[in-house]
Every structure is written in structure tokens, then in C-alpha cells.
C-alpha atoms as a PDB file:
ATOM      1  CA  UNK A   1       1.887   5.415   8.867  1.00  0.00           C
ATOM      2  CA  UNK A   2       5.617   7.164   9.510  1.00  0.00           C
ATOM      3  CA  UNK A   3       6.897  10.353   8.411  1.00  0.00           C
ATOM      4  CA  UNK A   4       8.780   8.808   5.932  1.00  0.00           C
ATOM      5  CA  UNK A   5       5.998   7.018   4.496  1.00  0.00           C
ATOM      6  CA  UNK A   6       3.959  10.069   4.222  1.00  0.00           C
ATOM      7  CA  UNK A   7       6.670  12.359   2.864  1.00  0.00           C
ATOM      8  CA  UNK A   8       6.814  10.769  -0.580  1.00  0.00           C
ATOM      9  CA  UNK A   9       3.103  11.740  -0.943  1.00  0.00           C
ATOM     10  CA  UNK A  10       3.424  15.319  -0.145  1.00  0.00           C
ATOM     11  CA  UNK A  11       6.422  15.546  -2.579  1.00  0.00           C
ATOM     12  CA  UNK A  12       4.231  14.222  -5.315  1.00  0.00           C
ATOM     13  CA  UNK A  13       1.159  16.699  -4.246  1.00  0.00           C
ATOM     14  CA  UNK A  14       2.597  19.546  -2.238  1.00  0.00           C
ATOM     15  CA  UNK A  15      -0.347  21.769  -2.690  1.00  0.00           C
ATOM     16  CA  UNK A  16      -3.116  18.761  -1.793  1.00  0.00           C
ATOM     17  CA  UNK A  17      -1.282  19.007   1.996  1.00  0.00           C
ATOM     18  CA  UNK A  18      -0.329  22.412   2.456  1.00  0.00           C
ATOM     19  CA  UNK A  19      -1.890  25.625   1.184  1.00  0.00           C
ATOM     20  CA  UNK A  20       1.561  26.570  -0.655  1.00  0.00           C
ATOM     21  CA  UNK A  21       4.594  25.111  -1.365  1.00  0.00           C
ATOM     22  CA  UNK A  22       6.641  26.683   1.302  1.00  0.00           C
ATOM     23  CA  UNK A  23       9.027  25.307   3.702  1.00  0.00           C
ATOM     24  CA  UNK A  24       7.360  26.808   6.725  1.00  0.00           C
ATOM     25  CA  UNK A  25       4.029  25.356   6.179  1.00  0.00           C
ATOM     26  CA  UNK A  26       5.940  21.976   5.158  1.00  0.00           C
ATOM     27  CA  UNK A  27       7.633  22.520   8.783  1.00  0.00           C
ATOM     28  CA  UNK A  28       4.764  23.016  10.371  1.00  0.00           C
ATOM     29  CA  UNK A  29       2.831  20.087   8.639  1.00  0.00           C
ATOM     30  CA  UNK A  30       5.520  17.592  10.121  1.00  0.00           C
ATOM     31  CA  UNK A  31       5.455  19.201  13.354  1.00  0.00           C
ATOM     32  CA  UNK A  32       2.059  18.472  13.769  1.00  0.00           C
ATOM     33  CA  UNK A  33       1.968  15.046  12.352  1.00  0.00           C
ATOM     34  CA  UNK A  34       4.610  13.700  14.370  1.00  0.00           C
ATOM     35  CA  UNK A  35       2.628  15.100  17.383  1.00  0.00           C
ATOM     36  CA  UNK A  36      -0.569  13.593  16.310  1.00  0.00           C
ATOM     37  CA  UNK A  37       1.262  10.566  15.547  1.00  0.00           C
ATOM     38  CA  UNK A  38       2.869  10.502  19.088  1.00  0.00           C
ATOM     39  CA  UNK A  39      -0.206  11.123  20.890  1.00  0.00           C
ATOM     40  CA  UNK A  40      -2.485   8.993  19.176  1.00  0.00           C
ATOM     41  CA  UNK A  41      -0.695   5.956  17.266  1.00  0.00           C
ATOM     42  CA  UNK A  42       2.106   5.709  20.095  1.00  0.00           C
ATOM     43  CA  UNK A  43       4.564   5.218  17.006  1.00  0.00           C
ATOM     44  CA  UNK A  44       7.673   6.548  18.374  1.00  0.00           C
ATOM     45  CA  UNK A  45      10.029   5.570  15.410  1.00  0.00           C
ATOM     46  CA  UNK A  46       9.917   9.474  14.218  1.00  0.00           C
ATOM     47  CA  UNK A  47      10.354  10.598  17.468  1.00  0.00           C
ATOM     48  CA  UNK A  48      14.113  11.746  16.541  1.00  0.00           C
ATOM     49  CA  UNK A  49      13.560  12.817  12.518  1.00  0.00           C
ATOM     50  CA  UNK A  50      13.381  16.235  13.413  1.00  0.00           C
ATOM     51  CA  UNK A  51      16.110  16.767  15.415  1.00  0.00           C
ATOM     52  CA  UNK A  52      18.049  14.371  13.531  1.00  0.00           C
ATOM     53  CA  UNK A  53      17.580  16.059  10.485  1.00  0.00           C
ATOM     54  CA  UNK A  54      18.165  19.508  11.926  1.00  0.00           C
ATOM     55  CA  UNK A  55      21.664  18.638  12.928  1.00  0.00           C
ATOM     56  CA  UNK A  56      22.938  16.706  10.079  1.00  0.00           C
ATOM     57  CA  UNK A  57      21.848  19.528   7.697  1.00  0.00           C
ATOM     58  CA  UNK A  58      23.148  22.432  10.259  1.00  0.00           C
ATOM     59  CA  UNK A  59      26.570  20.201  10.069  1.00  0.00           C
ATOM     60  CA  UNK A  60      26.416  19.407   6.443  1.00  0.00           C
ATOM     61  CA  UNK A  61      26.043  23.452   5.667  1.00  0.00           C
ATOM     62  CA  UNK A  62      28.148  24.400   8.456  1.00  0.00           C
ATOM     63  CA  UNK A  63      25.066  26.796   9.425  1.00  0.00           C
ATOM     64  CA  UNK A  64      25.281  28.332  13.287  1.00  0.00           C
ATOM     65  CA  UNK A  65      23.210  27.281  15.640  1.00  0.00           C
ATOM     66  CA  UNK A  66      19.992  28.979  16.804  1.00  0.00           C
ATOM     67  CA  UNK A  67      18.099  28.164  13.909  1.00  0.00           C
ATOM     68  CA  UNK A  68      15.271  25.566  12.853  1.00  0.00           C
ATOM     69  CA  UNK A  69      15.926  23.074   9.922  1.00  0.00           C
ATOM     70  CA  UNK A  70      13.161  25.203   8.019  1.00  0.00           C
ATOM     71  CA  UNK A  71      15.552  28.323   8.553  1.00  0.00           C
ATOM     72  CA  UNK A  72      18.502  26.361   6.887  1.00  0.00           C
ATOM     73  CA  UNK A  73      16.378  24.980   4.296  1.00  0.00           C
ATOM     74  CA  UNK A  74      14.890  28.529   3.133  1.00  0.00           C
ATOM     75  CA  UNK A  75      18.363  30.004   3.379  1.00  0.00           C
ATOM     76  CA  UNK A  76      19.832  27.322   1.077  1.00  0.00           C
ATOM     77  CA  UNK A  77      16.846  27.782  -1.147  1.00  0.00           C
ATOM     78  CA  UNK A  78      17.385  31.438  -1.465  1.00  0.00           C
ATOM     79  CA  UNK A  79      20.997  31.325  -2.252  1.00  0.00           C
ATOM     80  CA  UNK A  80      20.092  28.538  -5.301  1.00  0.00           C
ATOM     81  CA  UNK A  81      16.927  30.334  -6.490  1.00  0.00           C
ATOM     82  CA  UNK A  82      15.446  27.175  -5.944  1.00  0.00           C
ATOM     83  CA  UNK A  83      11.462  26.725  -4.358  1.00  0.00           C
ATOM     84  CA  UNK A  84      12.335  25.494  -0.692  1.00  0.00           C
ATOM     85  CA  UNK A  85      10.157  22.564  -0.751  1.00  0.00           C
ATOM     86  CA  UNK A  86      12.421  21.199  -3.428  1.00  0.00           C
ATOM     87  CA  UNK A  87      15.276  21.948  -1.716  1.00  0.00           C
ATOM     88  CA  UNK A  88      13.956  19.991   1.404  1.00  0.00           C
ATOM     89  CA  UNK A  89      13.123  16.782  -0.663  1.00  0.00           C
ATOM     90  CA  UNK A  90      16.349  16.631  -2.245  1.00  0.00           C
ATOM     91  CA  UNK A  91      18.392  17.124   1.168  1.00  0.00           C
ATOM     92  CA  UNK A  92      16.078  15.006   2.832  1.00  0.00           C
ATOM     93  CA  UNK A  93      16.466  12.448   0.452  1.00  0.00           C
ATOM     94  CA  UNK A  94      20.623  12.697   1.101  1.00  0.00           C
ATOM     95  CA  UNK A  95      19.805  12.299   4.770  1.00  0.00           C
ATOM     96  CA  UNK A  96      17.871   9.521   4.722  1.00  0.00           C
ATOM     97  CA  UNK A  97      20.316   7.669   2.414  1.00  0.00           C
ATOM     98  CA  UNK A  98      23.203   8.657   4.825  1.00  0.00           C
ATOM     99  CA  UNK A  99      20.988   6.959   7.533  1.00  0.00           C
END
């Protein structure tokens, strides 16, 4: 299962996968999932997901370098007064649509 296949499940029931609906927990989940996938499945299709998404979100919102994609999402969510995980999924689907 790729990261793109599991993310819709997390979106539907985030508290089944994360202790709280928090972008930093989602970031940790994704990082762990991708690490495990690469170690055990030898599936390298998703290897660039985090760096590609990071660069896309950074350019879209004109953020400075030096922060993680989760930091960018958190900042956006604070500005919009919206849950950070909801912001992630909104931006993730836009990112995916452009890919």
C-alpha cells in the first residue's frame, strides 16, 4: 500500500491512526510509514513524497526555507483558524492534482 492509498483512510478516521488530530502527529506517522515501506516492501514509489510536497507547499505560500512541510501547514492553519490536519488534506489533494 502506498502513502497515497493510506492517506484517504487517515482523512476519513484520523483518530484511528493519530492520538489527536495534529499535523505533527500526522507528519510522524507519514515519516514512519514511508521508512517502514522502504525497509520492508522495497517500494520506492513514494520516496520523494515528503520532499516534493514540502517544496510545492513552500513555493505556493512563498515560505522561507528552514522549516518542515508540517510547520508550513501549521502556520497556514493558524492563519485560517482551521485544524491543521484538515488543511493538510486540502493542500495534499491540490498537490496531487497538479502532479
